[in-house]
Each structure stands twice: as C-alpha cells, then as structure tokens.
Amino acid sequence: MTQAARTRRTGRSGRAVTAVLARGLDLLASLGEDLGGEATVAELARAVGLPASTAYRYVAVLRRAGLLEEGERPGSVRIGLRLIALAWNAPPRRITALARPVMEALSNATGETVLLIEPFGTQAICTERVESREAVRLAFEKGRVLPLHAGASVRALLAFSPPALLQAVLAGELRRFTPATITDPAALAENLEAVRQAGYAWSDSEMDPGVSALAMPVCGGGRYAQASLSVTGPSFRLTRQRASAHLLALRQAVEALDEALGRNRLRRGRRPADGGGEDAG
C-alpha cells in the first residue's frame, strides 16, 4: 500500500470516529436538554433522528462507560453517575464564582432560595443555587434545563435577550406546564415588555405548582442579560406582597454582581503596555 493510500484510509477512519463521537454526544445532549434527563431508547432515537437499532448500540456503549444508567421507567435510561461526577468536579465558571457570595447574602436577607440562571441556546440552565434555611424550601437542582417562557427566572433573561433569540422563542412551541403558564405568543410578548419596563419579573406557579419567584437580569455592564438572579420559594410564603419587600435586596444583589462582572471584564481586557501576550478574550 502506498503512503498516499494509507493517508486516505487514515483520513476516512478519523472522520468515521469523529462522526460516531458526535452522534454519541448528540444523544447525551438531547437526553439532558430535550428529554428531561430520562427517556427510552426509542424516544432518544426519534429525538436525534437515528434508527432505533443504531441508537441501541450507542446507548449500550454509553452505559458501559457509566455515562448512562438504567432509568426509573421500564426500558428507559438516564444520565449516569459518572457524567454527574464529571460535571460536579468541573471548576466553577467565572460568573458562578463571582455570584456565589452575592447569592448567599441575598438568601440570608430574604430567607428564600436564590438561583442563578444562564441562557443555554433557546433554553436556560440553573448554574448555581443557594438554598433557604427554612424547613419548607424549594427543591430545585443545579443543572436543571428550563424553557425560556415559563417563570420569572427565565423571563428576566428572555426580556433582555438579543432580538433573534426572542423571536425564536416566540415562534417556537410554548409548552404548558401548569394552568398559569403563558402559552400565547402575543401575551408572552406583552409580558416581556412589562418586564423590561419594570426591570424585574414575577411569577406564581407557572413552571412548578406552588412555587413563586422574583427575578432580575444580570447584564454585567453589557446590553443583554448574561444571567438572572431570582428569589424563589413556596407560594404560600413568597407572596406578591412579600416579594415586593424583597425588591430592594434583589436589586442591590444584581448591582453588586453587575459591578463584579464589569470589573472582571476590564481586567481581562487590559493588555500589557508593551503589547505582550495576555489574552483579552
């Protein structure tokens, strides 16, 4: 075999391995982002557009690697402990590291759970959480993927998002989670305008029954929201009246995080006087 033939074979083999890896990652991403973390193989196959037999082979490999495990439903799989451990062992991202002390102070001031929610494509994800010390408190996991239309935490993001993302959400499916979920595009657009005017969002039982939230965008000195901070709790305790009393504490927390993010961006953007190799990205 000539050197050129060996090179072509190596190239084809490398592309095949890359394609297999990409499909496996698509399966994991779809399971976590679109299917709530647990699904049957048939549901996974439909979600990523693979034949069921092919999806079964991928799932078998991912289970052997510990990235998937048997789910609660018969025939289902869910995110595996090894993948969860990898996520937990990741170093904190800059915004979460800056947000954590601000969130702890806000939780102490309000007595409620505080969430940091970040945009994630046309969805959002909870990247940090500080739990309330109350006996009855919100059960909300880090890593939970959320739609951008249901609840104050995500609408505080969506209201201050780039126009393209806003239009994509309004044009997409607005799934109903509870009777209070906003599913009409015109009503959602009107609500988002009210959020922009007020500077904050409020919700009661829109995503989870009996859970209310007060949220504001975190822009870090930029034009669009990088995240949202929300005070969240059971509706019987976090009433609209009580939430109004928390507005000042939430606004101060957001201003503190905005300032910290702005300072951090300036430090990263500052180059040495001689034009040396510091990365401003």
Foldseek 3Di string as FASTA:
>chain_A
DDPVVVVVVVVVVVVVVVVLVVVLVLLLCCCQAPVPFKDALVVSCVSSVHPSVVSVVSVVVCVVVQQWDDDPDPRMIGGGPVVVVVVVPDDDDPLCVLQVVLQVVLCVVQQAKKWKWFDDQQKIFTQDIDGGPDPAYDDDDGGHIGGQQFAFFNLLQLLQAPPVSVVVSLPDAQDFQDPQGDGHSVVSVVQSVVCVVVQKDWDACRHHHQKIKIKGFQQLPHRHGRIMMMGMTGCVVPPPVSVVVSVVSRVVSSVSSSPVSNVVLVVLQDDDPVRDDRHSD
